[in-house]
Amino acid sequence: MADDQLEAVAQLWEEHLKAVFPTRWHGLSSGKVDLVTLDADIGGCVTTWLENFGRLDASRQRVIRTRIADLDRMRTGLDDATELAYCDRLRAMAIAISRR
């Protein structure tokens, strides 16, 4: 795993930790996806990936691929700039850690 990819994801993660979870997302779901759980699942995969120096086990690989698809579906319904930025940052991290 290239150090620059680890650093890029770590930086996105730090930004994400400082970001305010979109108020409208509390208790909201997109289709069958609870947005709080979506955020938590991706966050758990990101922290594991960072702690394991760029590696995810097969189970987390499946989770992250599913969550990327969930993000893609839910993003189409967003029009608020803050929500879009939050979603795009989540997706950028998810995409980065899903690559083997």
Protein backbone atom coordinates (compact mmCIF):
# COMPACT_ATOMS: atom_id res chain seq x y z
CA MET A 1 0.00 0.00 0.00
CA ALA A 2 1.42 3.35 -1.02
CA ASP A 3 2.03 5.79 1.82
CA ASP A 4 0.42 8.57 -0.18
CA GLN A 5 -2.88 6.66 -0.37
CA LEU A 6 -2.79 6.02 3.38
CA GLU A 7 -2.10 9.70 3.99
CA ALA A 8 -4.87 10.81 1.65
CA VAL A 9 -7.45 8.58 3.35
CA ALA A 10 -6.21 9.61 6.79
CA GLN A 11 -6.64 13.26 5.82
CA LEU A 12 -10.17 12.64 4.50
CA TRP A 13 -10.96 10.76 7.71
CA GLU A 14 -9.74 13.67 9.85
CA GLU A 15 -11.90 16.06 7.82
CA HIS A 16 -14.83 13.70 8.21
CA LEU A 17 -14.42 13.51 11.97
CA LYS A 18 -14.58 17.31 12.16
CA ALA A 19 -17.63 17.55 9.91
CA VAL A 20 -21.10 17.86 11.36
CA PHE A 21 -23.38 14.95 10.55
CA PRO A 22 -26.19 16.37 8.41
CA THR A 23 -29.09 17.16 10.75
CA ARG A 24 -31.68 16.01 8.25
CA TRP A 25 -30.06 12.56 8.11
CA HIS A 26 -30.84 11.69 11.74
CA GLY A 27 -33.53 9.02 11.66
CA LEU A 28 -33.73 9.22 7.88
CA SER A 29 -33.33 6.34 5.51
CA SER A 30 -32.80 6.21 1.79
CA GLY A 31 -34.68 3.24 0.47
CA LYS A 32 -33.80 0.49 2.92
CA VAL A 33 -30.58 2.17 4.07
CA ASP A 34 -30.43 3.95 7.42
CA LEU A 35 -28.07 6.88 6.89
CA VAL A 36 -26.62 6.79 10.41
CA THR A 37 -25.74 3.13 9.91
CA LEU A 38 -24.32 3.84 6.46
CA ASP A 39 -22.01 6.46 7.95
CA ALA A 40 -21.00 4.17 10.82
CA ASP A 41 -20.31 1.20 8.54
CA ILE A 42 -18.05 3.21 6.28
CA GLY A 43 -16.33 4.80 9.27
CA GLY A 44 -15.66 1.39 10.79
CA CYS A 45 -14.17 0.13 7.55
CA VAL A 46 -12.01 3.26 7.16
CA THR A 47 -10.60 3.01 10.68
CA THR A 48 -9.90 -0.71 10.22
CA TRP A 49 -8.22 -0.04 6.87
CA LEU A 50 -6.04 2.68 8.40
CA GLU A 51 -5.14 0.54 11.43
CA ASN A 52 -4.23 -2.38 9.14
CA PHE A 53 -2.06 -0.25 6.85
CA GLY A 54 -4.35 -0.43 3.86
CA ARG A 55 -5.86 -3.87 4.26
CA LEU A 56 -9.46 -5.00 4.75
CA ASP A 57 -10.66 -8.54 5.34
CA ALA A 58 -13.11 -10.12 2.87
CA SER A 59 -16.12 -9.34 5.04
CA ARG A 60 -15.33 -5.62 5.23
CA GLN A 61 -14.57 -5.60 1.50
CA ARG A 62 -18.14 -6.81 0.90
CA VAL A 63 -19.52 -4.20 3.32
CA ILE A 64 -17.66 -1.35 1.66
CA ARG A 65 -18.73 -2.39 -1.85
CA THR A 66 -22.36 -2.54 -0.70
CA ARG A 67 -22.07 0.85 0.99
CA ILE A 68 -20.60 2.45 -2.13
CA ALA A 69 -23.66 1.27 -4.07
CA ASP A 70 -25.90 2.61 -1.27
CA LEU A 71 -24.15 5.99 -1.42
CA ASP A 72 -24.55 6.15 -5.17
CA ARG A 73 -28.28 5.52 -4.88
CA MET A 74 -28.87 8.02 -2.09
CA ARG A 75 -26.72 10.76 -3.61
CA THR A 76 -29.12 11.21 -6.50
CA GLY A 77 -31.73 12.55 -4.07
CA LEU A 78 -29.48 15.15 -2.45
CA ASP A 79 -29.53 18.82 -3.35
CA ASP A 80 -28.05 20.46 -0.26
CA ALA A 81 -24.39 21.44 -0.75
CA THR A 82 -23.38 20.42 2.79
CA GLU A 83 -25.06 17.04 2.46
CA LEU A 84 -23.46 16.50 -0.94
CA ALA A 85 -20.01 17.33 0.43
CA TYR A 86 -20.52 14.94 3.35
CA CYS A 87 -21.71 12.18 1.02
CA ASP A 88 -18.90 12.78 -1.49
CA ARG A 89 -16.25 12.61 1.24
CA LEU A 90 -17.71 9.32 2.51
CA ARG A 91 -17.74 7.97 -1.03
CA ALA A 92 -14.17 9.10 -1.74
CA MET A 93 -12.95 7.26 1.35
CA ALA A 94 -15.00 4.18 0.52
CA ILE A 95 -13.70 4.06 -3.05
CA ALA A 96 -10.10 4.52 -1.91
CA ILE A 97 -10.23 1.68 0.62
CA SER A 98 -12.13 -0.66 -1.70
CA ARG A 99 -9.20 -0.88 -4.12
CA ARG A 100 -6.92 -3.82 -3.59
